[in-house]
Protein backbone atom coordinates (compact mmCIF):
# COMPACT_ATOMS: atom_id res chain seq x y z
CA MET A 1 11.14 -64.78 97.28
CA GLU A 2 12.42 -66.31 94.05
CA PRO A 3 12.15 -70.11 93.68
CA ASP A 4 15.34 -72.17 93.88
CA ASN A 5 16.25 -75.20 91.75
CA LEU A 6 13.60 -74.49 89.14
CA VAL A 7 13.40 -77.29 86.57
CA LEU A 8 12.78 -75.89 83.09
CA GLN A 9 9.99 -77.84 81.46
CA PRO A 10 8.72 -77.52 77.88
CA ARG A 11 4.96 -76.94 77.72
CA ASP A 12 3.38 -78.29 74.54
CA VAL A 13 0.82 -75.52 74.18
CA HIS A 14 -1.77 -75.13 71.43
CA PHE A 15 -3.75 -72.08 70.33
CA ASP A 16 -6.85 -71.67 68.18
CA TRP A 17 -6.28 -68.82 65.70
CA ALA A 18 -9.56 -69.14 63.82
CA GLY A 19 -11.06 -66.00 65.35
CA LEU A 20 -7.91 -63.82 65.43
CA PRO A 21 -8.54 -60.39 63.83
CA MET A 22 -5.92 -58.76 61.62
CA HIS A 23 -5.38 -56.02 64.22
CA TRP A 24 -5.47 -58.00 67.43
CA VAL A 25 -4.80 -54.85 69.43
CA PRO A 26 -8.09 -53.17 68.42
CA GLU A 27 -7.65 -50.07 66.24
CA GLU A 28 -3.89 -50.22 66.82
CA PRO A 29 -2.21 -51.50 63.62
CA VAL A 30 1.20 -50.11 64.65
CA ALA A 31 1.22 -51.90 68.03
CA THR A 32 -0.14 -55.06 66.39
CA HIS A 33 2.42 -55.21 63.60
CA VAL A 34 5.44 -54.18 65.65
CA MET A 35 4.67 -57.13 67.93
CA ASN A 36 3.86 -59.32 64.89
CA VAL A 37 7.55 -59.11 64.04
CA LEU A 38 8.03 -61.65 66.84
CA HIS A 39 6.25 -64.20 64.65
CA LEU A 40 8.50 -63.32 61.70
CA LEU A 41 11.83 -63.53 63.56
CA LEU A 42 11.37 -66.14 66.26
CA PRO A 43 10.74 -69.38 64.34
CA ALA A 44 14.07 -69.14 62.47
CA GLY A 45 15.91 -67.56 65.38
CA GLU A 46 14.82 -70.07 67.99
CA ARG A 47 15.53 -73.04 65.73
CA TRP A 48 19.04 -71.59 65.38
CA PHE A 49 19.24 -71.29 69.18
CA VAL A 50 18.26 -74.95 69.50
CA LYS A 51 20.83 -76.16 66.96
CA THR A 52 23.58 -74.09 68.55
CA PHE A 53 22.86 -75.35 72.06
CA GLN A 54 22.58 -78.95 70.92
CA GLN A 55 26.11 -78.65 69.57
CA ALA A 56 27.25 -77.18 72.90
CA VAL A 57 25.88 -79.97 75.12
CA PRO A 58 28.99 -82.21 74.80
CA LEU A 59 31.17 -79.33 76.05
CA ILE A 60 29.26 -78.91 79.32
CA THR A 61 30.91 -80.37 82.41
CA ASP A 62 28.42 -79.10 84.99
CA ASP A 63 25.40 -81.41 85.48
CA ASP A 64 23.01 -78.71 86.67
CA LEU A 65 23.87 -76.45 83.73
CA ARG A 66 23.44 -79.35 81.31
CA GLU A 67 19.94 -79.94 82.69
CA ASP A 68 19.12 -76.25 82.28
CA VAL A 69 20.42 -76.24 78.71
CA LEU A 70 18.30 -79.27 77.81
CA GLY A 71 15.25 -77.56 79.31
CA PHE A 72 16.07 -74.41 77.36
CA ILE A 73 16.31 -76.41 74.13
CA GLY A 74 12.89 -77.97 74.75
CA GLN A 75 11.23 -74.65 75.51
CA GLU A 76 12.75 -72.84 72.54
CA ALA A 77 11.74 -75.58 70.11
CA LEU A 78 8.10 -75.23 71.17
CA HIS A 79 8.29 -71.42 70.95
CA ALA A 80 9.33 -71.73 67.32
CA GLU A 81 6.38 -74.03 66.58
CA ALA A 82 3.84 -71.76 68.28
CA HIS A 83 4.91 -68.66 66.38
CA SER A 84 5.04 -70.56 63.08
CA GLU A 85 1.34 -71.35 63.51
CA VAL A 86 0.61 -67.60 63.64
CA LEU A 87 2.41 -67.20 60.30
CA ASP A 88 0.14 -69.83 58.78
CA HIS A 89 -2.87 -67.86 60.05
CA LEU A 90 -1.57 -64.60 58.56
CA LEU A 91 -1.07 -66.33 55.22
CA ALA A 92 -4.67 -67.57 55.35
CA LYS A 93 -5.76 -63.99 56.03
CA GLY A 94 -4.05 -62.85 52.83
CA LEU A 95 -0.88 -61.42 54.38
CA ASP A 96 2.03 -63.47 53.00
CA PRO A 97 5.04 -63.23 55.36
CA ARG A 98 7.30 -65.48 53.27
CA PRO A 99 9.25 -62.79 51.36
CA PHE A 100 10.48 -61.49 54.72
CA THR A 101 10.81 -64.79 56.60
CA ASP A 102 12.89 -66.23 53.74
CA GLN A 103 15.40 -63.41 54.34
CA VAL A 104 15.42 -64.10 58.07
CA GLU A 105 16.07 -67.80 57.40
CA TRP A 106 19.03 -66.79 55.21
CA VAL A 107 20.50 -64.63 57.98
CA PHE A 108 20.39 -67.41 60.55
CA ASP A 109 21.40 -70.24 58.21
CA ARG A 110 24.08 -68.56 56.11
CA VAL A 111 25.38 -65.56 58.04
CA LEU A 112 25.18 -67.04 61.56
CA GLY A 113 25.31 -70.72 60.67
CA GLU A 114 27.99 -73.29 61.43
CA ARG A 115 31.26 -73.28 59.47
CA PRO A 116 31.93 -77.04 58.99
CA ASN A 117 35.10 -76.45 56.95
CA LEU A 118 37.00 -75.03 59.94
CA ASP A 119 39.36 -77.16 62.01
CA GLU A 120 38.22 -78.38 65.41
CA GLU A 121 39.69 -75.56 67.47
CA TRP A 122 38.21 -72.85 65.24
CA ARG A 123 34.85 -74.64 65.12
CA ARG A 124 34.72 -74.65 68.91
CA ASP A 125 35.62 -70.96 69.03
CA GLN A 126 32.94 -70.16 66.47
CA LEU A 127 30.41 -72.15 68.48
CA VAL A 128 31.25 -70.15 71.61
CA GLU A 129 30.88 -66.96 69.57
CA ARG A 130 27.38 -68.04 68.51
CA ILE A 131 26.52 -68.80 72.15
CA ALA A 132 27.66 -65.27 73.02
CA VAL A 133 25.25 -63.93 70.40
CA VAL A 134 22.44 -66.05 71.87
CA ALA A 135 23.23 -64.68 75.33
CA ALA A 136 23.02 -61.11 74.01
CA ILE A 137 19.69 -61.75 72.28
CA GLU A 138 18.34 -63.55 75.35
CA HIS A 139 19.02 -60.37 77.36
CA PHE A 140 16.52 -58.58 75.16
CA THR A 141 13.99 -61.43 75.26
CA ALA A 142 14.19 -61.39 79.07
CA TYR A 143 13.58 -57.63 79.08
CA LEU A 144 10.68 -58.00 76.64
CA GLY A 145 9.31 -60.95 78.60
CA ASP A 146 9.25 -58.91 81.79
CA TRP A 147 7.65 -55.98 79.92
CA MET A 148 4.95 -58.22 78.42
CA LEU A 149 4.02 -59.75 81.79
CA ASN A 150 3.48 -56.24 83.16
CA ALA A 151 1.92 -54.54 80.13
CA THR A 152 -1.53 -53.95 81.63
CA ALA A 153 -2.26 -51.38 78.91
CA LEU A 154 -2.68 -54.29 76.49
CA ASP A 155 -5.49 -55.69 78.67
CA ARG A 156 -7.17 -52.29 78.86
CA ALA A 157 -6.93 -51.92 75.07
CA GLY A 158 -8.91 -55.16 74.59
CA THR A 159 -6.08 -57.19 73.06
CA ASP A 160 -7.21 -60.54 71.67
CA PRO A 161 -7.02 -62.95 74.64
CA THR A 162 -5.56 -65.86 72.66
CA MET A 163 -2.72 -63.76 71.28
CA LEU A 164 -2.14 -62.20 74.68
CA ASP A 165 -1.88 -65.67 76.23
CA LEU A 166 0.62 -66.75 73.55
CA LEU A 167 2.76 -63.68 74.16
CA ARG A 168 2.64 -63.98 77.94
CA TRP A 169 3.22 -67.75 77.96
CA HIS A 170 6.30 -67.13 75.82
CA ALA A 171 7.28 -64.13 77.95
CA ALA A 172 7.05 -66.15 81.17
CA GLU A 173 9.24 -68.94 79.78
CA GLU A 174 11.79 -66.36 78.56
CA VAL A 175 11.97 -64.99 82.13
CA GLU A 176 12.15 -68.56 83.48
CA HIS A 177 15.20 -69.47 81.40
CA ARG A 178 16.74 -65.97 81.11
CA SER A 179 20.04 -67.02 82.71
CA VAL A 180 20.77 -70.20 80.77
CA ALA A 181 22.53 -68.75 77.73
CA PHE A 182 24.57 -66.33 79.87
CA ASP A 183 25.58 -69.09 82.28
CA LEU A 184 26.54 -71.36 79.38
CA LEU A 185 28.69 -68.62 77.89
CA ARG A 186 30.45 -68.05 81.23
CA HIS A 187 30.95 -71.81 81.59
CA LEU A 188 32.82 -71.86 78.27
CA ASP A 189 34.38 -68.39 78.23
CA ARG A 190 34.25 -65.88 81.11
CA ARG A 191 36.02 -63.05 79.25
CA TYR A 192 34.15 -59.74 79.30
CA PRO A 193 35.28 -58.55 75.84
CA ARG A 194 33.62 -61.45 74.10
CA ARG A 195 30.32 -60.81 75.89
CA ALA A 196 30.41 -57.08 75.13
CA ARG A 197 31.44 -57.61 71.50
CA ALA A 198 28.58 -60.02 70.91
CA MET A 199 26.07 -57.45 72.12
CA LEU A 200 27.60 -54.70 69.98
CA LEU A 201 27.46 -56.98 66.94
CA SER A 202 23.96 -58.32 67.66
CA ALA A 203 21.89 -55.30 68.67
CA PRO A 204 22.12 -53.18 65.47
CA PRO A 205 21.14 -56.03 63.07
CA LEU A 206 18.35 -57.09 65.43
CA LEU A 207 16.96 -53.54 65.48
CA TRP A 208 17.30 -53.33 61.69
CA LEU A 209 15.41 -56.60 61.18
CA TRP A 210 12.69 -55.49 63.58
CA VAL A 211 12.14 -52.17 61.80
CA ARG A 212 12.17 -53.87 58.39
CA GLY A 213 9.72 -56.49 59.64
CA ALA A 214 7.31 -53.89 61.02
CA ARG A 215 7.48 -51.90 57.80
CA PHE A 216 6.88 -55.08 55.80
CA MET A 217 3.78 -55.93 57.83
CA MET A 218 2.37 -52.40 57.63
CA THR A 219 3.01 -52.20 53.89
CA HIS A 220 1.34 -55.54 53.15
CA ASP A 221 -1.66 -54.88 55.39
CA ARG A 222 -3.87 -52.88 53.05
CA THR A 223 -5.96 -51.60 55.97
CA ALA A 224 -2.95 -49.99 57.70
CA GLY A 225 -0.94 -46.91 56.89
CA ARG A 226 2.82 -46.53 56.80
CA LEU A 227 4.96 -47.02 59.89
CA THR A 228 6.21 -43.76 61.41
CA LEU A 229 8.44 -43.02 64.38
CA ARG A 230 5.70 -40.75 65.74
CA ASP A 231 3.20 -43.63 65.82
CA PHE A 232 5.75 -45.92 67.52
CA ARG A 233 6.40 -43.30 70.19
CA ARG A 234 2.67 -42.78 70.66
CA ALA A 235 2.13 -46.51 71.23
CA GLY A 236 5.03 -46.53 73.69
CA ARG A 237 3.61 -43.61 75.69
CA ARG A 238 0.30 -45.47 75.92
CA GLY A 239 2.05 -48.60 77.23
CA LEU A 240 1.19 -50.70 74.16
CA LEU A 241 4.88 -51.09 73.17
CA PRO A 242 8.18 -50.73 75.00
CA THR A 243 9.62 -47.23 74.67
CA GLY A 244 12.85 -46.58 72.79
CA HIS A 245 14.29 -45.06 75.98
CA ASP A 246 13.63 -48.22 78.00
CA LEU A 247 15.05 -50.44 75.26
CA PHE A 248 18.24 -48.37 75.18
CA ARG A 249 18.57 -48.56 78.95
CA ALA A 250 18.20 -52.36 78.72
CA PHE A 251 20.93 -52.40 76.06
CA LEU A 252 23.29 -50.47 78.35
CA ARG A 253 22.65 -52.73 81.35
CA TYR A 254 24.27 -55.66 79.56
CA PHE A 255 27.63 -53.87 79.65
CA HIS A 256 27.80 -53.56 83.44
CA ARG A 257 30.68 -55.72 84.71
CA GLY A 258 28.44 -57.20 87.41
CA TYR A 259 25.51 -57.89 85.10
CA HIS A 260 23.57 -61.14 85.43
CA PRO A 261 20.21 -61.97 83.77
CA LYS A 262 18.64 -62.64 87.18
CA GLN A 263 18.48 -58.83 87.44
CA GLU A 264 15.85 -58.82 84.65
CA GLY A 265 12.31 -59.80 85.62
CA SER A 266 10.91 -62.08 88.30
CA THR A 267 10.89 -65.86 88.19
CA SER A 268 8.07 -65.87 90.77
CA GLN A 269 5.90 -63.72 88.50
CA ALA A 270 6.69 -65.89 85.49
CA VAL A 271 5.83 -69.12 87.33
CA ALA A 272 2.63 -67.53 88.67
CA TYR A 273 1.50 -66.61 85.14
CA LEU A 274 2.27 -70.09 83.82
CA ALA A 275 0.07 -71.53 86.58
CA THR A 276 -2.90 -69.49 85.28
CA SER A 277 -2.22 -69.38 81.51
CA PRO A 278 -5.07 -71.19 79.72
CA ALA A 279 -2.70 -72.74 77.15
CA ALA A 280 -0.07 -73.76 79.69
CA ARG A 281 -2.68 -75.29 81.99
CA ASP A 282 -4.15 -77.28 79.09
CA ALA A 283 -0.68 -78.50 78.15
CA HIS A 284 0.02 -79.55 81.72
């Protein structure tokens, strides 16, 4: 049974990256670097989530939703910090992510950023449009969170336990708060076309950034080869990455008229992991 009235709480976790190997999925540079793209995209993306939702708080008239949004903001802010620390470790290892992360910052700040020169009505509409984009992206983070919590192949492959805890702590909180962005969008605009349009506009650039990020990491890791579709499929078949087929099915689910994020993942499983996560327990 899923828990009711869950209070979203930020967990100020800390990780020691001193012993992290370059390929933290042993002998699997493709799986390692495809997942490393999380560290490239999430700091800028989640800071943008936070800023967008902070601007939305005054528009919320439902007290329970406001509490959820504030919890979401707190969790996402700490996610951005945790992944930024991994970037610092990669830089110390000789892999400089800044040429790529600077481009990601530009996308979120300039392309998706606020338009302060608009009048009040248009600024509100643009804010709701950005919330619709967040809701679309949060659908994928909920899917990936559920996948990560159940990816036992990563355990069998000997994945670095500190990185695995970071990824599963983050995954569990994504499943915990998977409904907040969608519920906020419906609170402000219940129209289906806006929801569907936001997904259609968000998914292709997100995929493009992910592929570019993985290629960037593979190219700048002198011990790895080039990224190929064959290697990605091989890692997916072994359970070390989500498969393209499953990602596409997740994409299509968002367009069902009766869709709700509660259909993705299990809150009970997420809460159970957070009760055993070394980093989350230390933070508590």
